Amino acid sequence: MFTGIVEELGEVVDTQELGDAARLVIRGPVVTSDAGHGDSIAVNGVCLTVVEVLPDGGFSADVMAETLNRSSLGQLRTGSPVNLERAAAVNSRLGGHIVQGHVDGVGAVISRSPSEHWEVVRFALPAQLARYLVEKGSITVDGVSLTVSGLGRDDDGDWFEVSLIPTTLTATTLGGAAVGTRVNLEVDVLAKYVERLLAARGA
């Protein structure tokens, strides 16, 4: 489990094709400071398992085809920045919200509207995820826990907006995500559980 509070802006230093999978090598001295083989690290919101901790402050992780197809990780190249977060410790504060690291869908940046102290960013939202979002609710975008500040639908489909503070703009990949950039989305798991329970009761 994660919280959506990015600990470090890492960098992809190598990508290796493995047929029906890929191996990523990522530099992240903060998240690897206490990491070991088998630990979980969220990379742009995707929970990956550490294969090897490298001496230069990096780690390697295998990504299967299913994950590459259902997330934006397949687009990563050498030099790509990535949001990194270690799995939450049981005794730590829950600074964001409950994040599983399981991508529900992929969206894209539609527009950016900068203001003096923040920036409003609008994302395209897959239609099947729209019912899980509510204004002022939580969503994870590329591993970043954010509050939904606006929702809507137009001729191009469903969308949502978030308002990014300077810290988020400088400390995560979202600050440099241009219009058209694909992002990993994870909706609030509590909403999915409620839906499932109500369906089981015939509501």
N, C-alpha and C. Protein backbone atom coordinates (compact mmCIF):
# COMPACT_ATOMS: atom_id res chain seq x y z
N MET A 1 0.83 -1.19 0.00
CA MET A 1 0.00 0.00 0.00
C MET A 1 0.87 1.25 0.00
N PHE A 2 0.38 2.30 -0.66
CA PHE A 2 1.09 3.57 -0.74
C PHE A 2 0.15 4.68 -0.30
N THR A 3 0.67 5.89 -0.27
CA THR A 3 -0.16 7.03 0.13
C THR A 3 -0.29 8.09 -0.95
N GLY A 4 0.47 7.96 -2.03
CA GLY A 4 0.39 8.97 -3.09
C GLY A 4 1.21 10.21 -2.79
N ILE A 5 2.08 10.13 -1.79
CA ILE A 5 2.98 11.24 -1.49
C ILE A 5 4.35 10.90 -2.08
N VAL A 6 4.69 11.53 -3.19
CA VAL A 6 5.93 11.20 -3.89
C VAL A 6 7.14 11.56 -3.03
N GLU A 7 8.03 10.60 -2.88
CA GLU A 7 9.22 10.82 -2.06
C GLU A 7 10.39 11.37 -2.86
N GLU A 8 10.39 11.06 -4.15
CA GLU A 8 11.57 11.40 -4.93
C GLU A 8 11.23 11.42 -6.42
N LEU A 9 11.85 12.34 -7.13
CA LEU A 9 11.77 12.38 -8.57
C LEU A 9 12.98 11.61 -9.10
N GLY A 10 12.74 10.39 -9.55
CA GLY A 10 13.82 9.54 -10.03
C GLY A 10 14.02 9.66 -11.53
N GLU A 11 14.89 8.80 -12.06
CA GLU A 11 15.19 8.84 -13.49
C GLU A 11 15.44 7.43 -14.02
N VAL A 12 14.87 7.13 -15.17
CA VAL A 12 15.13 5.85 -15.84
C VAL A 12 16.53 5.92 -16.44
N VAL A 13 17.38 4.96 -16.08
CA VAL A 13 18.75 4.95 -16.61
C VAL A 13 18.96 3.85 -17.65
N ASP A 14 18.00 2.89 -17.72
CA ASP A 14 18.13 1.86 -18.73
C ASP A 14 16.79 1.14 -18.86
N THR A 15 16.50 0.69 -20.08
CA THR A 15 15.33 -0.15 -20.34
C THR A 15 15.80 -1.35 -21.16
N GLN A 16 15.34 -2.54 -20.77
CA GLN A 16 15.75 -3.76 -21.45
C GLN A 16 14.50 -4.54 -21.88
N GLU A 17 14.40 -4.82 -23.17
CA GLU A 17 13.29 -5.61 -23.70
C GLU A 17 13.53 -7.08 -23.39
N LEU A 18 12.49 -7.74 -22.86
CA LEU A 18 12.60 -9.16 -22.48
C LEU A 18 11.51 -9.98 -23.15
N GLY A 19 11.20 -9.66 -24.39
CA GLY A 19 10.15 -10.39 -25.10
C GLY A 19 8.78 -9.95 -24.64
N ASP A 20 8.16 -10.72 -23.74
CA ASP A 20 6.83 -10.38 -23.24
C ASP A 20 6.90 -9.58 -21.95
N ALA A 21 8.04 -8.96 -21.70
CA ALA A 21 8.22 -8.15 -20.50
C ALA A 21 9.34 -7.15 -20.76
N ALA A 22 9.62 -6.34 -19.75
CA ALA A 22 10.73 -5.39 -19.84
C ALA A 22 11.35 -5.24 -18.46
N ARG A 23 12.61 -4.91 -18.43
CA ARG A 23 13.28 -4.61 -17.16
C ARG A 23 13.67 -3.14 -17.16
N LEU A 24 13.24 -2.44 -16.13
CA LEU A 24 13.59 -1.03 -15.95
C LEU A 24 14.68 -0.90 -14.91
N VAL A 25 15.63 -0.03 -15.19
CA VAL A 25 16.65 0.32 -14.20
C VAL A 25 16.44 1.80 -13.89
N ILE A 26 16.20 2.09 -12.62
CA ILE A 26 15.80 3.44 -12.21
C ILE A 26 16.70 3.94 -11.11
N ARG A 27 17.16 5.18 -11.23
CA ARG A 27 17.96 5.80 -10.18
C ARG A 27 17.04 6.50 -9.19
N GLY A 28 17.20 6.17 -7.91
CA GLY A 28 16.41 6.77 -6.85
C GLY A 28 17.06 6.55 -5.52
N PRO A 29 18.07 7.34 -5.15
CA PRO A 29 18.82 7.09 -3.91
C PRO A 29 17.99 7.17 -2.64
N VAL A 30 16.92 7.96 -2.64
CA VAL A 30 16.09 8.06 -1.44
C VAL A 30 15.31 6.76 -1.22
N VAL A 31 14.61 6.31 -2.26
CA VAL A 31 13.75 5.13 -2.09
C VAL A 31 14.56 3.84 -1.98
N THR A 32 15.80 3.86 -2.43
CA THR A 32 16.62 2.65 -2.31
C THR A 32 17.51 2.65 -1.07
N SER A 33 17.43 3.70 -0.26
CA SER A 33 18.30 3.81 0.91
C SER A 33 18.10 2.67 1.90
N ASP A 34 16.88 2.12 1.94
CA ASP A 34 16.62 1.00 2.85
C ASP A 34 15.90 -0.13 2.11
N ALA A 35 16.02 -0.16 0.79
CA ALA A 35 15.31 -1.16 0.00
C ALA A 35 16.10 -2.45 -0.13
N GLY A 36 15.38 -3.53 -0.38
CA GLY A 36 16.01 -4.82 -0.60
C GLY A 36 15.24 -5.60 -1.65
N HIS A 37 15.80 -6.71 -2.06
CA HIS A 37 15.15 -7.57 -3.05
C HIS A 37 13.74 -7.94 -2.58
N GLY A 38 12.75 -7.75 -3.46
CA GLY A 38 11.38 -8.11 -3.14
C GLY A 38 10.54 -6.98 -2.58
N ASP A 39 11.17 -5.85 -2.25
CA ASP A 39 10.41 -4.71 -1.74
C ASP A 39 9.58 -4.07 -2.86
N SER A 40 8.56 -3.33 -2.46
CA SER A 40 7.68 -2.66 -3.43
C SER A 40 8.02 -1.17 -3.51
N ILE A 41 8.12 -0.68 -4.73
CA ILE A 41 8.31 0.75 -4.99
C ILE A 41 7.33 1.14 -6.09
N ALA A 42 6.58 2.21 -5.86
CA ALA A 42 5.65 2.70 -6.87
C ALA A 42 6.40 3.60 -7.85
N VAL A 43 6.29 3.28 -9.13
CA VAL A 43 6.92 4.05 -10.20
C VAL A 43 5.80 4.65 -11.06
N ASN A 44 5.65 5.96 -10.99
CA ASN A 44 4.53 6.64 -11.67
C ASN A 44 3.20 5.98 -11.32
N GLY A 45 3.08 5.58 -10.07
CA GLY A 45 1.82 5.02 -9.59
C GLY A 45 1.64 3.54 -9.79
N VAL A 46 2.64 2.87 -10.37
CA VAL A 46 2.56 1.42 -10.60
C VAL A 46 3.45 0.71 -9.59
N CYS A 47 2.87 -0.20 -8.83
CA CYS A 47 3.63 -0.95 -7.84
C CYS A 47 4.54 -1.96 -8.53
N LEU A 48 5.86 -1.79 -8.37
CA LEU A 48 6.83 -2.70 -8.96
C LEU A 48 7.65 -3.36 -7.84
N THR A 49 8.15 -4.56 -8.12
CA THR A 49 8.94 -5.31 -7.17
C THR A 49 10.43 -5.15 -7.48
N VAL A 50 11.19 -4.80 -6.47
CA VAL A 50 12.63 -4.61 -6.65
C VAL A 50 13.29 -5.95 -6.93
N VAL A 51 13.98 -6.05 -8.07
CA VAL A 51 14.74 -7.24 -8.41
C VAL A 51 16.13 -7.16 -7.81
N GLU A 52 16.74 -5.98 -7.95
CA GLU A 52 18.11 -5.80 -7.45
C GLU A 52 18.31 -4.34 -7.06
N VAL A 53 18.94 -4.12 -5.92
CA VAL A 53 19.34 -2.77 -5.52
C VAL A 53 20.77 -2.57 -6.01
N LEU A 54 21.00 -1.49 -6.72
CA LEU A 54 22.29 -1.25 -7.34
C LEU A 54 23.15 -0.32 -6.48
N PRO A 55 24.47 -0.42 -6.57
CA PRO A 55 25.35 0.36 -5.69
C PRO A 55 25.32 1.86 -5.95
N ASP A 56 24.80 2.29 -7.09
CA ASP A 56 24.80 3.73 -7.40
C ASP A 56 23.50 4.42 -7.01
N GLY A 57 22.72 3.78 -6.13
CA GLY A 57 21.46 4.40 -5.71
C GLY A 57 20.31 4.12 -6.65
N GLY A 58 20.41 3.02 -7.37
CA GLY A 58 19.35 2.65 -8.29
C GLY A 58 18.78 1.29 -7.96
N PHE A 59 17.78 0.87 -8.75
CA PHE A 59 17.20 -0.45 -8.59
C PHE A 59 16.66 -0.91 -9.94
N SER A 60 16.51 -2.22 -10.08
CA SER A 60 15.92 -2.78 -11.28
C SER A 60 14.60 -3.44 -10.92
N ALA A 61 13.67 -3.45 -11.89
CA ALA A 61 12.36 -4.05 -11.68
C ALA A 61 11.86 -4.60 -13.01
N ASP A 62 11.22 -5.76 -12.95
CA ASP A 62 10.63 -6.35 -14.14
C ASP A 62 9.18 -5.90 -14.29
N VAL A 63 8.80 -5.62 -15.53
CA VAL A 63 7.44 -5.17 -15.82
C VAL A 63 6.86 -6.11 -16.87
N MET A 64 5.80 -6.83 -16.53
CA MET A 64 5.22 -7.79 -17.47
C MET A 64 4.38 -7.08 -18.52
N ALA A 65 4.07 -7.78 -19.59
CA ALA A 65 3.35 -7.20 -20.72
C ALA A 65 2.00 -6.62 -20.29
N GLU A 66 1.31 -7.30 -19.37
CA GLU A 66 0.01 -6.82 -18.89
C GLU A 66 0.13 -5.40 -18.34
N THR A 67 1.18 -5.18 -17.54
CA THR A 67 1.39 -3.85 -16.95
C THR A 67 1.78 -2.83 -18.02
N LEU A 68 2.62 -3.23 -18.95
CA LEU A 68 3.03 -2.33 -20.02
C LEU A 68 1.83 -1.91 -20.86
N ASN A 69 0.89 -2.82 -21.08
CA ASN A 69 -0.28 -2.53 -21.90
C ASN A 69 -1.32 -1.70 -21.18
N ARG A 70 -1.39 -1.82 -19.86
CA ARG A 70 -2.43 -1.14 -19.10
C ARG A 70 -1.96 0.13 -18.39
N SER A 71 -0.73 0.52 -18.62
CA SER A 71 -0.19 1.73 -17.99
C SER A 71 0.66 2.48 -19.01
N SER A 72 1.23 3.58 -18.56
CA SER A 72 2.10 4.36 -19.44
C SER A 72 3.57 3.97 -19.31
N LEU A 73 3.87 2.92 -18.55
CA LEU A 73 5.27 2.55 -18.33
C LEU A 73 5.96 2.13 -19.62
N GLY A 74 5.20 1.63 -20.57
CA GLY A 74 5.80 1.23 -21.84
C GLY A 74 6.39 2.38 -22.63
N GLN A 75 6.03 3.61 -22.26
CA GLN A 75 6.55 4.78 -22.95
C GLN A 75 7.85 5.30 -22.35
N LEU A 76 8.24 4.76 -21.20
CA LEU A 76 9.45 5.25 -20.54
C LEU A 76 10.69 4.93 -21.36
N ARG A 77 11.59 5.90 -21.39
CA ARG A 77 12.85 5.74 -22.10
C ARG A 77 13.99 6.19 -21.18
N THR A 78 15.20 5.88 -21.55
CA THR A 78 16.35 6.34 -20.78
C THR A 78 16.30 7.86 -20.65
N GLY A 79 16.39 8.33 -19.42
CA GLY A 79 16.32 9.76 -19.15
C GLY A 79 14.95 10.24 -18.70
N SER A 80 13.93 9.39 -18.82
CA SER A 80 12.58 9.80 -18.40
C SER A 80 12.52 10.00 -16.89
N PRO A 81 11.95 11.11 -16.43
CA PRO A 81 11.76 11.29 -14.98
C PRO A 81 10.56 10.46 -14.52
N VAL A 82 10.61 9.98 -13.30
CA VAL A 82 9.53 9.17 -12.75
C VAL A 82 9.29 9.52 -11.29
N ASN A 83 8.03 9.44 -10.88
CA ASN A 83 7.66 9.64 -9.48
C ASN A 83 7.87 8.35 -8.71
N LEU A 84 8.56 8.44 -7.58
CA LEU A 84 8.88 7.25 -6.79
C LEU A 84 8.35 7.36 -5.37
N GLU A 85 7.84 6.24 -4.87
CA GLU A 85 7.38 6.18 -3.48
C GLU A 85 7.56 4.76 -2.96
N ARG A 86 8.13 4.64 -1.77
CA ARG A 86 8.22 3.34 -1.11
C ARG A 86 6.87 2.96 -0.53
N ALA A 87 6.66 1.66 -0.32
CA ALA A 87 5.44 1.21 0.34
C ALA A 87 5.34 1.85 1.72
N ALA A 88 4.12 2.16 2.12
CA ALA A 88 3.89 2.83 3.40
C ALA A 88 4.22 1.90 4.57
N ALA A 89 4.84 2.45 5.59
CA ALA A 89 5.08 1.70 6.83
C ALA A 89 3.82 1.76 7.69
N VAL A 90 3.60 0.70 8.47
CA VAL A 90 2.38 0.63 9.28
C VAL A 90 2.29 1.79 10.27
N ASN A 91 3.44 2.26 10.77
CA ASN A 91 3.42 3.32 11.78
C ASN A 91 3.59 4.72 11.19
N SER A 92 3.45 4.85 9.85
CA SER A 92 3.64 6.16 9.24
C SER A 92 2.32 6.92 9.12
N ARG A 93 2.40 8.23 8.94
CA ARG A 93 1.21 9.04 8.74
C ARG A 93 0.68 8.82 7.32
N LEU A 94 -0.63 8.81 7.17
CA LEU A 94 -1.25 8.66 5.87
C LEU A 94 -1.44 10.05 5.29
N GLY A 95 -0.38 10.56 4.64
CA GLY A 95 -0.41 11.94 4.17
C GLY A 95 -1.32 12.18 2.99
N GLY A 96 -1.53 11.16 2.15
CA GLY A 96 -2.38 11.32 0.99
C GLY A 96 -3.68 10.57 1.18
N HIS A 97 -3.84 9.45 0.46
CA HIS A 97 -4.98 8.56 0.68
C HIS A 97 -4.53 7.14 0.37
N ILE A 98 -5.40 6.16 0.55
CA ILE A 98 -5.02 4.77 0.33
C ILE A 98 -4.81 4.53 -1.16
N VAL A 99 -3.58 4.18 -1.52
CA VAL A 99 -3.22 3.93 -2.92
C VAL A 99 -2.65 2.52 -3.02
N GLN A 100 -3.14 1.74 -3.97
CA GLN A 100 -2.69 0.36 -4.11
C GLN A 100 -1.53 0.19 -5.08
N GLY A 101 -1.38 1.15 -5.98
CA GLY A 101 -0.37 0.98 -7.02
C GLY A 101 -0.87 0.11 -8.16
N HIS A 102 -2.19 -0.02 -8.28
CA HIS A 102 -2.83 -0.80 -9.35
C HIS A 102 -3.55 0.18 -10.27
N VAL A 103 -3.04 0.35 -11.46
CA VAL A 103 -3.58 1.34 -12.39
C VAL A 103 -4.96 0.90 -12.91
N ASP A 104 -5.94 1.80 -12.82
CA ASP A 104 -7.28 1.52 -13.31
C ASP A 104 -7.47 1.94 -14.76
N GLY A 105 -6.67 2.86 -15.22
CA GLY A 105 -6.79 3.34 -16.59
C GLY A 105 -5.74 4.39 -16.88
N VAL A 106 -5.67 4.77 -18.14
CA VAL A 106 -4.70 5.78 -18.57
C VAL A 106 -5.46 6.98 -19.12
N GLY A 107 -5.11 8.16 -18.63
CA GLY A 107 -5.69 9.40 -19.13
C GLY A 107 -4.63 10.21 -19.85
N ALA A 108 -4.94 11.46 -20.15
CA ALA A 108 -3.99 12.34 -20.84
C ALA A 108 -4.25 13.77 -20.44
N VAL A 109 -3.20 14.57 -20.44
CA VAL A 109 -3.34 15.99 -20.15
C VAL A 109 -4.07 16.67 -21.30
N ILE A 110 -5.16 17.38 -20.98
CA ILE A 110 -5.93 18.09 -21.99
C ILE A 110 -5.52 19.56 -22.06
N SER A 111 -5.35 20.16 -20.89
CA SER A 111 -5.00 21.59 -20.86
C SER A 111 -4.34 21.94 -19.55
N ARG A 112 -3.62 23.06 -19.54
CA ARG A 112 -2.99 23.60 -18.34
C ARG A 112 -3.31 25.07 -18.26
N SER A 113 -3.77 25.53 -17.07
CA SER A 113 -4.13 26.93 -16.87
C SER A 113 -3.37 27.47 -15.67
N PRO A 114 -2.23 28.11 -15.89
CA PRO A 114 -1.43 28.61 -14.77
C PRO A 114 -2.04 29.85 -14.12
N SER A 115 -1.92 29.92 -12.80
CA SER A 115 -2.29 31.10 -12.02
C SER A 115 -1.06 31.56 -11.26
N GLU A 116 -1.24 32.57 -10.43
CA GLU A 116 -0.08 33.12 -9.73
C GLU A 116 0.54 32.12 -8.77
N HIS A 117 -0.31 31.37 -8.05
CA HIS A 117 0.22 30.48 -7.01
C HIS A 117 -0.10 29.01 -7.24
N TRP A 118 -0.78 28.66 -8.29
CA TRP A 118 -1.08 27.27 -8.58
C TRP A 118 -1.38 27.13 -10.06
N GLU A 119 -1.60 25.88 -10.47
CA GLU A 119 -1.93 25.63 -11.87
C GLU A 119 -3.04 24.59 -11.96
N VAL A 120 -4.06 24.91 -12.71
CA VAL A 120 -5.17 23.97 -12.92
C VAL A 120 -4.85 23.12 -14.14
N VAL A 121 -4.87 21.80 -13.95
CA VAL A 121 -4.58 20.88 -15.05
C VAL A 121 -5.80 20.00 -15.28
N ARG A 122 -6.21 19.91 -16.53
CA ARG A 122 -7.36 19.08 -16.90
C ARG A 122 -6.87 17.82 -17.59
N PHE A 123 -7.47 16.68 -17.20
CA PHE A 123 -7.10 15.38 -17.76
C PHE A 123 -8.31 14.70 -18.39
N ALA A 124 -8.09 14.03 -19.51
CA ALA A 124 -9.11 13.16 -20.08
C ALA A 124 -9.28 11.96 -19.15
N LEU A 125 -10.53 11.51 -19.01
CA LEU A 125 -10.86 10.44 -18.08
C LEU A 125 -11.57 9.32 -18.82
N PRO A 126 -11.05 8.09 -18.77
CA PRO A 126 -11.76 6.97 -19.40
C PRO A 126 -13.19 6.88 -18.88
N ALA A 127 -14.12 6.66 -19.78
CA ALA A 127 -15.54 6.69 -19.42
C ALA A 127 -15.88 5.72 -18.29
N GLN A 128 -15.23 4.57 -18.26
CA GLN A 128 -15.56 3.56 -17.26
C GLN A 128 -15.10 3.94 -15.85
N LEU A 129 -14.30 4.99 -15.74
CA LEU A 129 -13.83 5.43 -14.42
C LEU A 129 -14.59 6.64 -13.90
N ALA A 130 -15.37 7.28 -14.75
CA ALA A 130 -16.00 8.55 -14.38
C ALA A 130 -16.88 8.42 -13.14
N ARG A 131 -17.56 7.28 -13.00
CA ARG A 131 -18.50 7.13 -11.88
C ARG A 131 -17.81 7.07 -10.53
N TYR A 132 -16.51 6.83 -10.51
CA TYR A 132 -15.79 6.73 -9.23
C TYR A 132 -15.27 8.06 -8.73
N LEU A 133 -15.35 9.11 -9.53
CA LEU A 133 -14.81 10.41 -9.13
C LEU A 133 -15.91 11.34 -8.63
N VAL A 134 -15.61 12.05 -7.57
CA VAL A 134 -16.50 13.08 -7.05
C VAL A 134 -15.67 14.33 -6.78
N GLU A 135 -16.29 15.48 -6.90
CA GLU A 135 -15.57 16.71 -6.61
C GLU A 135 -15.13 16.73 -5.15
N LYS A 136 -13.89 17.09 -4.92
CA LYS A 136 -13.21 17.10 -3.61
C LYS A 136 -12.82 15.70 -3.16
N GLY A 137 -13.03 14.71 -4.02
CA GLY A 137 -12.58 13.36 -3.71
C GLY A 137 -11.14 13.16 -4.13
N SER A 138 -10.62 11.97 -3.93
CA SER A 138 -9.21 11.68 -4.21
C SER A 138 -9.04 10.91 -5.51
N ILE A 139 -7.94 11.18 -6.19
CA ILE A 139 -7.51 10.40 -7.34
C ILE A 139 -5.99 10.40 -7.36
N THR A 140 -5.43 9.30 -7.90
CA THR A 140 -3.98 9.20 -8.02
C THR A 140 -3.61 9.37 -9.49
N VAL A 141 -2.75 10.34 -9.78
CA VAL A 141 -2.29 10.61 -11.15
C VAL A 141 -0.78 10.40 -11.18
N ASP A 142 -0.33 9.39 -11.92
CA ASP A 142 1.10 9.05 -11.97
C ASP A 142 1.70 8.91 -10.58
N GLY A 143 0.92 8.33 -9.67
CA GLY A 143 1.41 8.08 -8.33
C GLY A 143 1.27 9.23 -7.36
N VAL A 144 0.66 10.33 -7.79
CA VAL A 144 0.51 11.51 -6.94
C VAL A 144 -0.93 11.59 -6.44
N SER A 145 -1.10 11.63 -5.12
CA SER A 145 -2.43 11.77 -4.52
C SER A 145 -2.91 13.20 -4.71
N LEU A 146 -4.05 13.35 -5.38
CA LEU A 146 -4.56 14.68 -5.69
C LEU A 146 -6.05 14.76 -5.36
N THR A 147 -6.52 16.00 -5.17
CA THR A 147 -7.94 16.26 -4.92
C THR A 147 -8.60 16.74 -6.20
N VAL A 148 -9.72 16.12 -6.53
CA VAL A 148 -10.47 16.51 -7.73
C VAL A 148 -11.10 17.87 -7.49
N SER A 149 -10.75 18.85 -8.32
CA SER A 149 -11.31 20.20 -8.15
C SER A 149 -12.41 20.51 -9.16
N GLY A 150 -12.56 19.66 -10.16
CA GLY A 150 -13.62 19.87 -11.14
C GLY A 150 -13.85 18.61 -11.95
N LEU A 151 -15.10 18.44 -12.40
CA LEU A 151 -15.49 17.27 -13.20
C LEU A 151 -16.38 17.75 -14.33
N GLY A 152 -16.36 17.04 -15.45
CA GLY A 152 -17.25 17.43 -16.52
C GLY A 152 -17.21 16.45 -17.68
N ARG A 153 -18.01 16.76 -18.67
CA ARG A 153 -18.05 15.97 -19.89
C ARG A 153 -18.35 16.90 -21.04
N ASP A 154 -17.64 16.73 -22.15
CA ASP A 154 -17.92 17.51 -23.34
C ASP A 154 -17.94 16.58 -24.56
N ASP A 155 -17.89 17.14 -25.74
CA ASP A 155 -17.98 16.33 -26.96
C ASP A 155 -16.83 15.33 -27.09
N ASP A 156 -15.72 15.61 -26.42
CA ASP A 156 -14.56 14.72 -26.50
C ASP A 156 -14.54 13.65 -25.42
N GLY A 157 -15.49 13.73 -24.47
CA GLY A 157 -15.57 12.71 -23.43
C GLY A 157 -15.46 13.30 -22.03
N ASP A 158 -15.26 12.42 -21.05
CA ASP A 158 -15.20 12.83 -19.64
C ASP A 158 -13.82 13.42 -19.31
N TRP A 159 -13.83 14.34 -18.34
CA TRP A 159 -12.58 14.94 -17.90
C TRP A 159 -12.68 15.29 -16.42
N PHE A 160 -11.52 15.50 -15.81
CA PHE A 160 -11.47 16.01 -14.44
C PHE A 160 -10.32 16.99 -14.33
N GLU A 161 -10.39 17.84 -13.32
CA GLU A 161 -9.34 18.83 -13.09
C GLU A 161 -8.77 18.70 -11.69
N VAL A 162 -7.50 19.07 -11.56
CA VAL A 162 -6.84 19.18 -10.27
C VAL A 162 -6.10 20.51 -10.22
N SER A 163 -5.92 21.04 -9.03
CA SER A 163 -5.18 22.28 -8.85
C SER A 163 -3.85 21.95 -8.19
N LEU A 164 -2.76 22.20 -8.89
CA LEU A 164 -1.43 21.81 -8.42
C LEU A 164 -0.72 22.99 -7.76
N ILE A 165 -0.24 22.76 -6.54
CA ILE A 165 0.51 23.77 -5.81
C ILE A 165 1.96 23.75 -6.30
N PRO A 166 2.74 24.79 -6.00
CA PRO A 166 4.14 24.84 -6.46
C PRO A 166 4.96 23.61 -6.09
N THR A 167 4.75 23.07 -4.88
CA THR A 167 5.52 21.90 -4.47
C THR A 167 5.28 20.72 -5.40
N THR A 168 4.03 20.48 -5.74
CA THR A 168 3.70 19.38 -6.65
C THR A 168 4.27 19.63 -8.04
N LEU A 169 4.26 20.88 -8.47
CA LEU A 169 4.77 21.22 -9.80
C LEU A 169 6.27 20.99 -9.91
N THR A 170 6.99 21.24 -8.81
CA THR A 170 8.45 21.12 -8.86
C THR A 170 8.96 19.75 -8.42
N ALA A 171 8.20 19.04 -7.58
CA ALA A 171 8.69 17.80 -6.99
C ALA A 171 8.16 16.53 -7.66
N THR A 172 7.32 16.68 -8.68
CA THR A 172 6.78 15.51 -9.39
C THR A 172 6.85 15.74 -10.89
N THR A 173 6.58 14.69 -11.64
CA THR A 173 6.59 14.79 -13.10
C THR A 173 5.44 15.62 -13.64
N LEU A 174 4.42 15.88 -12.82
CA LEU A 174 3.25 16.60 -13.32
C LEU A 174 3.57 18.04 -13.69
N GLY A 175 4.62 18.60 -13.10
CA GLY A 175 5.00 19.96 -13.43
C GLY A 175 5.43 20.12 -14.88
N GLY A 176 5.97 19.07 -15.46
CA GLY A 176 6.46 19.14 -16.84
C GLY A 176 5.64 18.34 -17.82
N ALA A 177 4.46 17.88 -17.40
CA ALA A 177 3.62 17.07 -18.28
C ALA A 177 2.91 17.96 -19.29
N ALA A 178 3.33 17.90 -20.54
CA ALA A 178 2.76 18.74 -21.58
C ALA A 178 1.39 18.20 -22.01
N VAL A 179 0.63 19.04 -22.69
CA VAL A 179 -0.66 18.61 -23.23
C VAL A 179 -0.43 17.39 -24.13
N GLY A 180 -1.23 16.35 -23.92
CA GLY A 180 -1.08 15.11 -24.66
C GLY A 180 -0.35 14.02 -23.90
N THR A 181 0.35 14.38 -22.82
CA THR A 181 1.08 13.39 -22.03
C THR A 181 0.12 12.38 -21.40
N ARG A 182 0.41 11.08 -21.56
CA ARG A 182 -0.41 10.04 -20.97
C ARG A 182 -0.01 9.82 -19.52
N VAL A 183 -1.00 9.62 -18.66
CA VAL A 183 -0.76 9.47 -17.23
C VAL A 183 -1.53 8.27 -16.70
N ASN A 184 -0.96 7.65 -15.67
CA ASN A 184 -1.62 6.53 -15.01
C ASN A 184 -2.62 7.04 -13.99
N LEU A 185 -3.80 6.44 -13.98
CA LEU A 185 -4.86 6.85 -13.07
C LEU A 185 -5.27 5.68 -12.17
N GLU A 186 -5.42 5.98 -10.89
CA GLU A 186 -5.98 5.01 -9.95
C GLU A 186 -7.06 5.71 -9.14
N VAL A 187 -8.28 5.21 -9.23
CA VAL A 187 -9.39 5.82 -8.49
C VAL A 187 -9.37 5.32 -7.05
N ASP A 188 -10.16 5.96 -6.22
CA ASP A 188 -10.22 5.60 -4.80
C ASP A 188 -10.81 4.20 -4.65
N VAL A 189 -10.03 3.29 -4.08
CA VAL A 189 -10.46 1.90 -3.96
C VAL A 189 -11.71 1.78 -3.10
N LEU A 190 -11.94 2.70 -2.17
CA LEU A 190 -13.13 2.64 -1.32
C LEU A 190 -14.40 2.75 -2.17
N ALA A 191 -14.35 3.58 -3.22
CA ALA A 191 -15.51 3.73 -4.10
C ALA A 191 -15.83 2.42 -4.81
N LYS A 192 -14.79 1.69 -5.20
CA LYS A 192 -15.01 0.42 -5.90
C LYS A 192 -15.59 -0.63 -4.95
N TYR A 193 -15.14 -0.64 -3.71
CA TYR A 193 -15.69 -1.58 -2.74
C TYR A 193 -17.16 -1.29 -2.45
N VAL A 194 -17.49 -0.01 -2.30
CA VAL A 194 -18.89 0.36 -2.05
C VAL A 194 -19.76 -0.08 -3.22
N GLU A 195 -19.31 0.15 -4.43
CA GLU A 195 -20.07 -0.26 -5.62
C GLU A 195 -20.30 -1.77 -5.61
N ARG A 196 -19.27 -2.53 -5.31
CA ARG A 196 -19.36 -3.98 -5.31
C ARG A 196 -20.33 -4.48 -4.24
N LEU A 197 -20.26 -3.90 -3.06
CA LEU A 197 -21.15 -4.30 -1.97
C LEU A 197 -22.60 -3.98 -2.28
N LEU A 198 -22.85 -2.81 -2.86
CA LEU A 198 -24.22 -2.44 -3.20
C LEU A 198 -24.76 -3.34 -4.31
N ALA A 199 -23.90 -3.70 -5.27
CA ALA A 199 -24.33 -4.58 -6.35
C ALA A 199 -24.71 -5.96 -5.80
N ALA A 200 -23.95 -6.43 -4.81
CA ALA A 200 -24.23 -7.74 -4.22
C ALA A 200 -25.55 -7.75 -3.49
N ARG A 201 -25.98 -6.59 -2.99
CA ARG A 201 -27.27 -6.48 -2.28
C ARG A 201 -28.41 -6.20 -3.23
N GLY A 202 -28.10 -6.04 -4.51
CA GLY A 202 -29.15 -5.76 -5.48
C GLY A 202 -29.60 -4.33 -5.49
N ALA A 203 -28.76 -3.42 -4.93
CA ALA A 203 -29.14 -2.00 -4.87
C ALA A 203 -28.98 -1.37 -6.24
